[in-house]
Amino acid sequence: MITNLFRKMRLKENKAANYLKYAIGEIALVMIGILIAENLAPTLKGGFSIFEL
């Protein structure tokens, strides 16, 4: 009976840890996307020419 309780507690902790890892990963991806967009914004605002490529 006690082993079942500990097993259930471990599963709940594991789910919370997995969710936390997922959430941190999502936040990191969004931040990277924002940084890339900020770096590309001046280039896109000025436009491209064939000679720059």
C-alpha atoms as a PDB file:
ATOM      1  CA  MET A   1       0.000   0.000   0.000  1.00  0.00           C
ATOM      2  CA  ILE A   2       2.759   2.459   0.882  1.00  0.00           C
ATOM      3  CA  THR A   3       4.772   1.449  -2.179  1.00  0.00           C
ATOM      4  CA  ASN A   4       1.774   2.282  -4.383  1.00  0.00           C
ATOM      5  CA  LEU A   5       1.524   5.700  -2.754  1.00  0.00           C
ATOM      6  CA  PHE A   6       5.204   6.443  -3.364  1.00  0.00           C
ATOM      7  CA  ARG A   7       4.923   5.178  -6.924  1.00  0.00           C
ATOM      8  CA  LYS A   8       1.998   7.532  -7.598  1.00  0.00           C
ATOM      9  CA  MET A   9       3.862  10.434  -6.015  1.00  0.00           C
ATOM     10  CA  ARG A  10       6.894   9.730  -8.184  1.00  0.00           C
ATOM     11  CA  LEU A  11       4.749   9.698 -11.321  1.00  0.00           C
ATOM     12  CA  LYS A  12       3.190  13.040 -10.405  1.00  0.00           C
ATOM     13  CA  GLU A  13       6.610  14.576  -9.761  1.00  0.00           C
ATOM     14  CA  ASN A  14       7.856  13.200 -13.053  1.00  0.00           C
ATOM     15  CA  LYS A  15       4.928  14.764 -14.919  1.00  0.00           C
ATOM     16  CA  ALA A  16       5.569  18.119 -13.279  1.00  0.00           C
ATOM     17  CA  ALA A  17       9.274  17.959 -14.106  1.00  0.00           C
ATOM     18  CA  ASN A  18       8.543  17.048 -17.715  1.00  0.00           C
ATOM     19  CA  TYR A  19       6.051  19.903 -18.020  1.00  0.00           C
ATOM     20  CA  LEU A  20       8.566  22.322 -16.513  1.00  0.00           C
ATOM     21  CA  LYS A  21      11.230  21.230 -19.014  1.00  0.00           C
ATOM     22  CA  TYR A  22       8.744  21.650 -21.855  1.00  0.00           C
ATOM     23  CA  ALA A  23       7.710  25.124 -20.672  1.00  0.00           C
ATOM     24  CA  ILE A  24      11.324  26.302 -20.333  1.00  0.00           C
ATOM     25  CA  GLY A  25      12.097  24.971 -23.811  1.00  0.00           C
ATOM     26  CA  GLU A  26       9.122  26.797 -25.306  1.00  0.00           C
ATOM     27  CA  ILE A  27      10.149  30.064 -23.643  1.00  0.00           C
ATOM     28  CA  ALA A  28      13.706  29.662 -24.933  1.00  0.00           C
ATOM     29  CA  LEU A  29      12.484  29.059 -28.498  1.00  0.00           C
ATOM     30  CA  VAL A  30      10.252  32.133 -28.389  1.00  0.00           C
ATOM     31  CA  MET A  31      13.097  34.287 -27.078  1.00  0.00           C
ATOM     32  CA  ILE A  32      15.449  33.023 -29.811  1.00  0.00           C
ATOM     33  CA  GLY A  33      12.797  33.799 -32.434  1.00  0.00           C
ATOM     34  CA  ILE A  34      12.358  37.331 -31.094  1.00  0.00           C
ATOM     35  CA  LEU A  35      16.113  37.938 -31.118  1.00  0.00           C
ATOM     36  CA  ILE A  36      16.407  36.697 -34.702  1.00  0.00           C
ATOM     37  CA  ALA A  37      13.492  38.915 -35.761  1.00  0.00           C
ATOM     38  CA  GLU A  38      15.075  41.949 -34.100  1.00  0.00           C
ATOM     39  CA  ASN A  39      18.372  41.296 -35.882  1.00  0.00           C
ATOM     40  CA  LEU A  40      16.685  40.891 -39.273  1.00  0.00           C
ATOM     41  CA  ALA A  41      14.328  43.869 -38.930  1.00  0.00           C
ATOM     42  CA  PRO A  42      16.780  46.573 -40.140  1.00  0.00           C
ATOM     43  CA  THR A  43      17.803  44.443 -43.115  1.00  0.00           C
ATOM     44  CA  LEU A  44      14.232  43.751 -44.128  1.00  0.00           C
ATOM     45  CA  LYS A  45      13.254  47.390 -43.647  1.00  0.00           C
ATOM     46  CA  GLY A  46      15.974  48.563 -46.036  1.00  0.00           C
ATOM     47  CA  GLY A  47      15.142  45.920 -48.626  1.00  0.00           C
ATOM     48  CA  PHE A  48      17.305  43.525 -50.556  1.00  0.00           C
ATOM     49  CA  SER A  49      19.086  43.927 -53.831  1.00  0.00           C
ATOM     50  CA  ILE A  50      20.507  41.270 -56.130  1.00  0.00           C
ATOM     51  CA  PHE A  51      24.065  42.392 -55.417  1.00  0.00           C
ATOM     52  CA  GLU A  52      23.717  41.938 -51.642  1.00  0.00           C
ATOM     53  CA  LEU A  53      22.747  38.314 -51.987  1.00  0.00           C
END
